PDB file of N, CA and C in Angstrom:
ATOM      1  N   UNK A   1       0.846  -1.176   0.000  1.00  0.00           N
ATOM      2  CA  UNK A   1       0.000   0.000   0.000  1.00  0.00           C
ATOM      3  C   UNK A   1       0.891   1.239   0.000  1.00  0.00           C
ATOM      4  N   UNK A   2       0.592   2.169  -0.871  1.00  0.00           N
ATOM      5  CA  UNK A   2       1.349   3.421  -0.901  1.00  0.00           C
ATOM      6  C   UNK A   2       0.522   4.528  -0.244  1.00  0.00           C
ATOM      7  N   UNK A   3       1.080   5.740  -0.212  1.00  0.00           N
ATOM      8  CA  UNK A   3       0.431   6.849   0.481  1.00  0.00           C
ATOM      9  C   UNK A   3      -0.943   7.164  -0.123  1.00  0.00           C
ATOM     10  N   UNK A   4      -1.038   7.167  -1.434  1.00  0.00           N
ATOM     11  CA  UNK A   4      -2.316   7.455  -2.097  1.00  0.00           C
ATOM     12  C   UNK A   4      -3.391   6.439  -1.749  1.00  0.00           C
ATOM     13  N   UNK A   5      -3.011   5.173  -1.725  1.00  0.00           N
ATOM     14  CA  UNK A   5      -3.963   4.121  -1.376  1.00  0.00           C
ATOM     15  C   UNK A   5      -4.390   4.236   0.086  1.00  0.00           C
ATOM     16  N   UNK A   6      -3.451   4.607   0.950  1.00  0.00           N
ATOM     17  CA  UNK A   6      -3.776   4.791   2.365  1.00  0.00           C
ATOM     18  C   UNK A   6      -4.743   5.959   2.548  1.00  0.00           C
ATOM     19  N   UNK A   7      -4.509   7.054   1.850  1.00  0.00           N
ATOM     20  CA  UNK A   7      -5.409   8.210   1.920  1.00  0.00           C
ATOM     21  C   UNK A   7      -6.805   7.822   1.453  1.00  0.00           C
ATOM     22  N   UNK A   8      -6.892   7.067   0.375  1.00  0.00           N
ATOM     23  CA  UNK A   8      -8.188   6.618  -0.144  1.00  0.00           C
ATOM     24  C   UNK A   8      -8.905   5.728   0.872  1.00  0.00           C
ATOM     25  N   UNK A   9      -8.171   4.834   1.523  1.00  0.00           N
ATOM     26  CA  UNK A   9      -8.746   3.939   2.531  1.00  0.00           C
ATOM     27  C   UNK A   9      -9.278   4.733   3.723  1.00  0.00           C
ATOM     28  N   UNK A  10      -8.492   5.701   4.199  1.00  0.00           N
ATOM     29  CA  UNK A  10      -8.921   6.527   5.326  1.00  0.00           C
ATOM     30  C   UNK A  10     -10.175   7.315   4.949  1.00  0.00           C
ATOM     31  N   UNK A  11     -10.163   7.924   3.771  1.00  0.00           N
ATOM     32  CA  UNK A  11     -11.303   8.721   3.324  1.00  0.00           C
ATOM     33  C   UNK A  11     -12.570   7.878   3.236  1.00  0.00           C
ATOM     34  N   UNK A  12     -12.450   6.665   2.741  1.00  0.00           N
ATOM     35  CA  UNK A  12     -13.605   5.772   2.611  1.00  0.00           C
ATOM     36  C   UNK A  12     -14.110   5.323   3.986  1.00  0.00           C
ATOM     37  N   UNK A  13     -13.198   4.905   4.862  1.00  0.00           N
ATOM     38  CA  UNK A  13     -13.584   4.395   6.180  1.00  0.00           C
ATOM     39  C   UNK A  13     -14.245   5.457   7.052  1.00  0.00           C
ATOM     40  N   UNK A  14     -13.743   6.681   7.001  1.00  0.00           N
ATOM     41  CA  UNK A  14     -14.225   7.735   7.893  1.00  0.00           C
ATOM     42  C   UNK A  14     -15.259   8.626   7.192  1.00  0.00           C
ATOM     43  N   UNK A  15     -15.476   8.391   5.910  1.00  0.00           N
ATOM     44  CA  UNK A  15     -16.419   9.149   5.103  1.00  0.00           C
ATOM     45  C   UNK A  15     -16.093  10.643   5.093  1.00  0.00           C
ATOM     46  N   UNK A  16     -14.841  10.936   4.744  1.00  0.00           N
ATOM     47  CA  UNK A  16     -14.388  12.313   4.544  1.00  0.00           C
ATOM     48  C   UNK A  16     -13.766  12.391   3.161  1.00  0.00           C
ATOM     49  N   UNK A  17     -13.461  13.606   2.721  1.00  0.00           N
ATOM     50  CA  UNK A  17     -12.859  13.757   1.389  1.00  0.00           C
ATOM     51  C   UNK A  17     -11.407  13.278   1.403  1.00  0.00           C
ATOM     52  N   UNK A  18     -10.915  12.973   0.218  1.00  0.00           N
ATOM     53  CA  UNK A  18      -9.514  12.555   0.102  1.00  0.00           C
ATOM     54  C   UNK A  18      -8.585  13.693   0.509  1.00  0.00           C
ATOM     55  N   UNK A  19      -8.989  14.928   0.243  1.00  0.00           N
ATOM     56  CA  UNK A  19      -8.181  16.086   0.612  1.00  0.00           C
ATOM     57  C   UNK A  19      -8.048  16.175   2.128  1.00  0.00           C
ATOM     58  N   UNK A  20      -9.143  15.965   2.846  1.00  0.00           N
ATOM     59  CA  UNK A  20      -9.113  16.001   4.307  1.00  0.00           C
ATOM     60  C   UNK A  20      -8.287  14.836   4.865  1.00  0.00           C
ATOM     61  N   UNK A  21      -8.454  13.660   4.277  1.00  0.00           N
ATOM     62  CA  UNK A  21      -7.689  12.490   4.723  1.00  0.00           C
ATOM     63  C   UNK A  21      -6.200  12.705   4.472  1.00  0.00           C
ATOM     64  N   UNK A  22      -5.858  13.297   3.332  1.00  0.00           N
ATOM     65  CA  UNK A  22      -4.461  13.590   3.017  1.00  0.00           C
ATOM     66  C   UNK A  22      -3.873  14.590   3.995  1.00  0.00           C
ATOM     67  N   UNK A  23      -4.656  15.612   4.337  1.00  0.00           N
ATOM     68  CA  UNK A  23      -4.198  16.619   5.295  1.00  0.00           C
ATOM     69  C   UNK A  23      -3.979  15.995   6.669  1.00  0.00           C
ATOM     70  N   UNK A  24      -4.862  15.099   7.082  1.00  0.00           N
ATOM     71  CA  UNK A  24      -4.727  14.431   8.381  1.00  0.00           C
ATOM     72  C   UNK A  24      -3.485  13.548   8.403  1.00  0.00           C
ATOM     73  N   UNK A  25      -3.253  12.802   7.331  1.00  0.00           N
ATOM     74  CA  UNK A  25      -2.078  11.938   7.258  1.00  0.00           C
ATOM     75  C   UNK A  25      -0.799  12.758   7.246  1.00  0.00           C
ATOM     76  N   UNK A  26      -0.775  13.845   6.478  1.00  0.00           N
ATOM     77  CA  UNK A  26       0.397  14.724   6.444  1.00  0.00           C
ATOM     78  C   UNK A  26       0.677  15.324   7.819  1.00  0.00           C
ATOM     79  N   UNK A  27      -0.380  15.691   8.535  1.00  0.00           N
ATOM     80  CA  UNK A  27      -0.233  16.245   9.879  1.00  0.00           C
ATOM     81  C   UNK A  27       0.366  15.207  10.824  1.00  0.00           C
ATOM     82  N   UNK A  28      -0.092  13.965  10.717  1.00  0.00           N
ATOM     83  CA  UNK A  28       0.440  12.880  11.548  1.00  0.00           C
ATOM     84  C   UNK A  28       1.923  12.669  11.267  1.00  0.00           C
ATOM     85  N   UNK A  29       2.287  12.604  10.011  1.00  0.00           N
ATOM     86  CA  UNK A  29       3.682  12.383   9.620  1.00  0.00           C
ATOM     87  C   UNK A  29       4.564  13.522  10.116  1.00  0.00           C
ATOM     88  N   UNK A  30       4.087  14.751   9.976  1.00  0.00           N
ATOM     89  CA  UNK A  30       4.838  15.924  10.428  1.00  0.00           C
ATOM     90  C   UNK A  30       5.022  15.907  11.943  1.00  0.00           C
ATOM     91  N   UNK A  31       3.972  15.545  12.674  1.00  0.00           N
ATOM     92  CA  UNK A  31       4.049  15.494  14.139  1.00  0.00           C
ATOM     93  C   UNK A  31       5.051  14.442  14.595  1.00  0.00           C
ATOM     94  N   UNK A  32       5.043  13.286  13.960  1.00  0.00           N
ATOM     95  CA  UNK A  32       5.993  12.219  14.313  1.00  0.00           C
ATOM     96  C   UNK A  32       7.417  12.683  14.008  1.00  0.00           C
ATOM     97  N   UNK A  33       7.629  13.284  12.849  1.00  0.00           N
ATOM     98  CA  UNK A  33       8.965  13.740  12.455  1.00  0.00           C
ATOM     99  C   UNK A  33       9.500  14.794  13.431  1.00  0.00           C
ATOM    100  N   UNK A  34       8.671  15.766  13.812  1.00  0.00           N
ATOM    101  CA  UNK A  34       9.104  16.809  14.737  1.00  0.00           C
ATOM    102  C   UNK A  34       9.444  16.231  16.108  1.00  0.00           C
ATOM    103  N   UNK A  35       8.631  15.287  16.567  1.00  0.00           N
ATOM    104  CA  UNK A  35       8.873  14.670  17.871  1.00  0.00           C
ATOM    105  C   UNK A  35      10.170  13.874  17.859  1.00  0.00           C
ATOM    106  N   UNK A  36      10.407  13.107  16.796  1.00  0.00           N
ATOM    107  CA  UNK A  36      11.638  12.329  16.689  1.00  0.00           C
ATOM    108  C   UNK A  36      12.853  13.241  16.574  1.00  0.00           C
ATOM    109  N   UNK A  37      12.704  14.365  15.888  1.00  0.00           N
ATOM    110  CA  UNK A  37      13.820  15.300  15.739  1.00  0.00           C
ATOM    111  C   UNK A  37      14.250  15.852  17.096  1.00  0.00           C
ATOM    112  N   UNK A  38      13.288  16.018  18.016  1.00  0.00           N
ATOM    113  CA  UNK A  38      13.605  16.483  19.373  1.00  0.00           C
ATOM    114  C   UNK A  38      14.232  15.378  20.212  1.00  0.00           C
ATOM    115  N   UNK A  39      14.186  14.138  19.725  1.00  0.00           N
ATOM    116  CA  UNK A  39      14.766  13.020  20.459  1.00  0.00           C
ATOM    117  C   UNK A  39      13.768  12.273  21.321  1.00  0.00           C
ATOM    118  N   UNK A  40      12.484  12.625  21.215  1.00  0.00           N
ATOM    119  CA  UNK A  40      11.438  11.967  21.993  1.00  0.00           C
ATOM    120  C   UNK A  40      10.866  10.773  21.235  1.00  0.00           C
ATOM    121  N   UNK A  41      10.051   9.982  21.934  1.00  0.00           N
ATOM    122  CA  UNK A  41       9.381   8.818  21.343  1.00  0.00           C
ATOM    123  C   UNK A  41       7.927   9.163  21.046  1.00  0.00           C
ATOM    124  N   UNK A  42       7.348   8.448  20.089  1.00  0.00           N
ATOM    125  CA  UNK A  42       5.918   8.530  19.818  1.00  0.00           C
ATOM    126  C   UNK A  42       5.368   7.129  20.040  1.00  0.00           C
ATOM    127  N   UNK A  43       4.481   6.979  21.024  1.00  0.00           N
ATOM    128  CA  UNK A  43       3.921   5.672  21.353  1.00  0.00           C
ATOM    129  C   UNK A  43       2.432   5.669  21.058  1.00  0.00           C
ATOM    130  N   UNK A  44       2.001   4.748  20.233  1.00  0.00           N
ATOM    131  CA  UNK A  44       0.592   4.548  19.922  1.00  0.00           C
ATOM    132  C   UNK A  44       0.208   3.180  20.481  1.00  0.00           C
ATOM    133  N   UNK A  45      -0.503   3.183  21.588  1.00  0.00           N
ATOM    134  CA  UNK A  45      -0.851   1.934  22.279  1.00  0.00           C
ATOM    135  C   UNK A  45      -1.607   1.015  21.321  1.00  0.00           C
ATOM    136  N   UNK A  46      -1.168  -0.224  21.248  1.00  0.00           N
ATOM    137  CA  UNK A  46      -1.779  -1.206  20.369  1.00  0.00           C
ATOM    138  C   UNK A  46      -1.213  -1.198  18.959  1.00  0.00           C
ATOM    139  N   UNK A  47      -0.451  -0.168  18.613  1.00  0.00           N
ATOM    140  CA  UNK A  47       0.139  -0.089  17.270  1.00  0.00           C
ATOM    141  C   UNK A  47       1.649  -0.237  17.333  1.00  0.00           C
ATOM    142  N   UNK A  48       2.318   0.666  18.058  1.00  0.00           N
ATOM    143  CA  UNK A  48       3.762   0.558  18.176  1.00  0.00           C
ATOM    144  C   UNK A  48       4.403   1.853  18.624  1.00  0.00           C
ATOM    145  N   UNK A  49       5.737   1.858  18.621  1.00  0.00           N
ATOM    146  CA  UNK A  49       6.509   2.998  19.088  1.00  0.00           C
ATOM    147  C   UNK A  49       7.539   3.409  18.046  1.00  0.00           C
ATOM    148  N   UNK A  50       7.541   4.710  17.735  1.00  0.00           N
ATOM    149  CA  UNK A  50       8.558   5.302  16.883  1.00  0.00           C
ATOM    150  C   UNK A  50       9.604   5.907  17.799  1.00  0.00           C
ATOM    151  N   UNK A  51      10.880   5.680  17.525  1.00  0.00           N
ATOM    152  CA  UNK A  51      11.948   6.235  18.357  1.00  0.00           C
ATOM    153  C   UNK A  51      13.157   6.551  17.487  1.00  0.00           C
ATOM    154  N   UNK A  52      14.143   7.209  18.112  1.00  0.00           N
ATOM    155  CA  UNK A  52      15.377   7.561  17.419  1.00  0.00           C
ATOM    156  C   UNK A  52      16.510   6.737  18.010  1.00  0.00           C
ATOM    157  N   UNK A  53      17.344   6.205  17.157  1.00  0.00           N
ATOM    158  CA  UNK A  53      18.495   5.422  17.583  1.00  0.00           C
ATOM    159  C   UNK A  53      19.745   6.055  16.988  1.00  0.00           C
ATOM    160  N   UNK A  54      20.836   5.999  17.723  1.00  0.00           N
ATOM    161  CA  UNK A  54      22.099   6.542  17.220  1.00  0.00           C
ATOM    162  C   UNK A  54      22.928   5.414  16.620  1.00  0.00           C
ATOM    163  N   UNK A  55      23.383   5.629  15.411  1.00  0.00           N
ATOM    164  CA  UNK A  55      24.251   4.663  14.741  1.00  0.00           C
ATOM    165  C   UNK A  55      25.656   5.253  14.761  1.00  0.00           C
ATOM    166  N   UNK A  56      26.598   4.543  15.351  1.00  0.00           N
ATOM    167  CA  UNK A  56      27.961   5.066  15.489  1.00  0.00           C
ATOM    168  C   UNK A  56      28.717   5.018  14.160  1.00  0.00           C
ATOM    169  N   UNK A  57      29.794   5.784  14.096  1.00  0.00           N
ATOM    170  CA  UNK A  57      30.642   5.793  12.903  1.00  0.00           C
ATOM    171  C   UNK A  57      31.301   4.424  12.758  1.00  0.00           C
ATOM    172  N   UNK A  58      31.523   4.030  11.527  1.00  0.00           N
ATOM    173  CA  UNK A  58      32.129   2.719  11.281  1.00  0.00           C
ATOM    174  C   UNK A  58      32.822   2.712   9.929  1.00  0.00           C
ATOM    175  N   UNK A  59      33.586   1.676   9.712  1.00  0.00           N
ATOM    176  CA  UNK A  59      34.245   1.494   8.420  1.00  0.00           C
ATOM    177  C   UNK A  59      33.396   0.589   7.550  1.00  0.00           C
ATOM    178  N   UNK A  60      33.361   0.885   6.262  1.00  0.00           N
ATOM    179  CA  UNK A  60      32.635   0.072   5.312  1.00  0.00           C
ATOM    180  C   UNK A  60      33.496  -0.195   4.089  1.00  0.00           C
ATOM    181  N   UNK A  61      32.927  -0.867   3.123  1.00  0.00           N
ATOM    182  CA  UNK A  61      33.658  -1.175   1.897  1.00  0.00           C
ATOM    183  C   UNK A  61      32.868  -0.695   0.695  1.00  0.00           C
ATOM    184  N   UNK A  62      33.578  -0.105  -0.253  1.00  0.00           N
ATOM    185  CA  UNK A  62      32.985   0.264  -1.528  1.00  0.00           C
ATOM    186  C   UNK A  62      32.799  -1.039  -2.303  1.00  0.00           C
ATOM    187  N   UNK A  63      31.575  -1.412  -2.655  1.00  0.00           N
ATOM    188  CA  UNK A  63      31.360  -2.697  -3.324  1.00  0.00           C
ATOM    189  C   UNK A  63      31.993  -2.789  -4.710  1.00  0.00           C
ATOM    190  N   UNK A  64      32.223  -1.660  -5.369  1.00  0.00           N
ATOM    191  CA  UNK A  64      32.800  -1.689  -6.709  1.00  0.00           C
ATOM    192  C   UNK A  64      34.314  -1.859  -6.669  1.00  0.00           C
ATOM    193  N   UNK A  65      34.964  -1.145  -5.747  1.00  0.00           N
ATOM    194  CA  UNK A  65      36.428  -1.169  -5.731  1.00  0.00           C
ATOM    195  C   UNK A  65      37.005  -1.981  -4.576  1.00  0.00           C
ATOM    196  N   UNK A  66      36.187  -2.232  -3.552  1.00  0.00           N
ATOM    197  CA  UNK A  66      36.685  -2.953  -2.383  1.00  0.00           C
ATOM    198  C   UNK A  66      37.454  -2.061  -1.417  1.00  0.00           C
ATOM    199  N   UNK A  67      37.558  -0.773  -1.739  1.00  0.00           N
ATOM    200  CA  UNK A  67      38.294   0.158  -0.882  1.00  0.00           C
ATOM    201  C   UNK A  67      37.527   0.413   0.417  1.00  0.00           C
ATOM    202  N   UNK A  68      38.265   0.608   1.503  1.00  0.00           N
ATOM    203  CA  UNK A  68      37.660   0.911   2.791  1.00  0.00           C
ATOM    204  C   UNK A  68      37.223   2.375   2.806  1.00  0.00           C
ATOM    205  N   UNK A  69      35.990   2.613   3.295  1.00  0.00           N
ATOM    206  CA  UNK A  69      35.485   3.980   3.413  1.00  0.00           C
ATOM    207  C   UNK A  69      34.987   4.193   4.833  1.00  0.00           C
ATOM    208  N   UNK A  70      34.957   5.450   5.256  1.00  0.00           N
ATOM    209  CA  UNK A  70      34.447   5.780   6.582  1.00  0.00           C
ATOM    210  C   UNK A  70      32.992   6.199   6.447  1.00  0.00           C
ATOM    211  N   UNK A  71      32.136   5.598   7.275  1.00  0.00           N
ATOM    212  CA  UNK A  71      30.722   5.937   7.295  1.00  0.00           C
ATOM    213  C   UNK A  71      30.481   6.758   8.563  1.00  0.00           C
ATOM    214  N   UNK A  72      29.929   7.965   8.394  1.00  0.00           N
ATOM    215  CA  UNK A  72      29.718   8.876   9.516  1.00  0.00           C
ATOM    216  C   UNK A  72      28.623   8.371  10.452  1.00  0.00           C
ATOM    217  N   UNK A  73      28.699   8.797  11.703  1.00  0.00           N
ATOM    218  CA  UNK A  73      27.654   8.505  12.681  1.00  0.00           C
ATOM    219  C   UNK A  73      26.400   9.282  12.290  1.00  0.00           C
ATOM    220  N   UNK A  74      25.242   8.716  12.595  1.00  0.00           N
ATOM    221  CA  UNK A  74      23.996   9.419  12.311  1.00  0.00           C
ATOM    222  C   UNK A  74      22.870   8.880  13.177  1.00  0.00           C
ATOM    223  N   UNK A  75      21.776   9.625  13.202  1.00  0.00           N
ATOM    224  CA  UNK A  75      20.576   9.205  13.913  1.00  0.00           C
ATOM    225  C   UNK A  75      19.637   8.555  12.907  1.00  0.00           C
ATOM    226  N   UNK A  76      18.980   7.479  13.321  1.00  0.00           N
ATOM    227  CA  UNK A  76      18.037   6.791  12.444  1.00  0.00           C
ATOM    228  C   UNK A  76      16.715   6.581  13.175  1.00  0.00           C
ATOM    229  N   UNK A  77      15.624   6.580  12.416  1.00  0.00           N
ATOM    230  CA  UNK A  77      14.307   6.330  12.983  1.00  0.00           C
ATOM    231  C   UNK A  77      14.104   4.820  13.117  1.00  0.00           C
ATOM    232  N   UNK A  78      13.454   4.431  14.228  1.00  0.00           N
ATOM    233  CA  UNK A  78      13.145   3.019  14.475  1.00  0.00           C
ATOM    234  C   UNK A  78      11.657   2.888  14.755  1.00  0.00           C
ATOM    235  N   UNK A  79      11.103   1.721  14.415  1.00  0.00           N
ATOM    236  CA  UNK A  79       9.713   1.425  14.750  1.00  0.00           C
ATOM    237  C   UNK A  79       9.675   0.053  15.380  1.00  0.00           C
ATOM    238  N   UNK A  80       9.027  -0.043  16.535  1.00  0.00           N
ATOM    239  CA  UNK A  80       8.845  -1.332  17.195  1.00  0.00           C
ATOM    240  C   UNK A  80       7.358  -1.579  17.276  1.00  0.00           C
ATOM    241  N   UNK A  81       6.899  -2.633  16.633  1.00  0.00           N
ATOM    242  CA  UNK A  81       5.480  -2.955  16.608  1.00  0.00           C
ATOM    243  C   UNK A  81       4.981  -3.311  18.005  1.00  0.00           C
ATOM    244  N   UNK A  82       3.776  -2.869  18.322  1.00  0.00           N
ATOM    245  CA  UNK A  82       3.166  -3.185  19.608  1.00  0.00           C
ATOM    246  C   UNK A  82       2.507  -4.557  19.570  1.00  0.00           C
ATOM    247  N   UNK A  83       2.054  -4.992  20.715  1.00  0.00           N
ATOM    248  CA  UNK A  83       1.442  -6.315  20.834  1.00  0.00           C
ATOM    249  C   UNK A  83       0.166  -6.429  19.992  1.00  0.00           C
ATOM    250  N   UNK A  84      -0.633  -5.371  19.966  1.00  0.00           N
ATOM    251  CA  UNK A  84      -1.878  -5.399  19.197  1.00  0.00           C
ATOM    252  C   UNK A  84      -1.623  -5.572  17.711  1.00  0.00           C
ATOM    253  N   UNK A  85      -0.649  -4.856  17.177  1.00  0.00           N
ATOM    254  CA  UNK A  85      -0.307  -4.964  15.754  1.00  0.00           C
ATOM    255  C   UNK A  85       0.307  -6.331  15.463  1.00  0.00           C
ATOM    256  N   UNK A  86       1.177  -6.782  16.317  1.00  0.00           N
ATOM    257  CA  UNK A  86       1.824  -8.086  16.118  1.00  0.00           C
ATOM    258  C   UNK A  86       0.797  -9.213  16.110  1.00  0.00           C
ATOM    259  N   UNK A  87      -0.224  -9.099  16.956  1.00  0.00           N
ATOM    260  CA  UNK A  87      -1.255 -10.136  17.022  1.00  0.00           C
ATOM    261  C   UNK A  87      -2.101 -10.171  15.745  1.00  0.00           C
ATOM    262  N   UNK A  88      -2.288  -9.027  15.116  1.00  0.00           N
ATOM    263  CA  UNK A  88      -3.107  -8.963  13.903  1.00  0.00           C
ATOM    264  C   UNK A  88      -2.374  -9.465  12.668  1.00  0.00           C
ATOM    265  N   UNK A  89      -1.052  -9.511  12.734  1.00  0.00           N
ATOM    266  CA  UNK A  89      -0.265  -9.971  11.601  1.00  0.00           C
ATOM    267  C   UNK A  89      -0.182 -11.459  11.681  1.00  0.00           C
TER     268      UNK A  89
END
């Protein structure tokens, strides 16, 4: 399912326009992104938790040449499914 299909599903289920469903989804995505940028977690009971994890700097290999390269440290988004979501899968 892509974003357009998700918007269509939300609009149909809640009986609102696709424009309103798109705005609601965009608002949700923006809220999660801002919260993660601050370093906080977003927990949706029964669905899961979005969090930020730090990935340390490390050495890697260029697959074409085999040369060693340095990969910088960075923050990455993580999602851990909740019990309710896991049970439905």
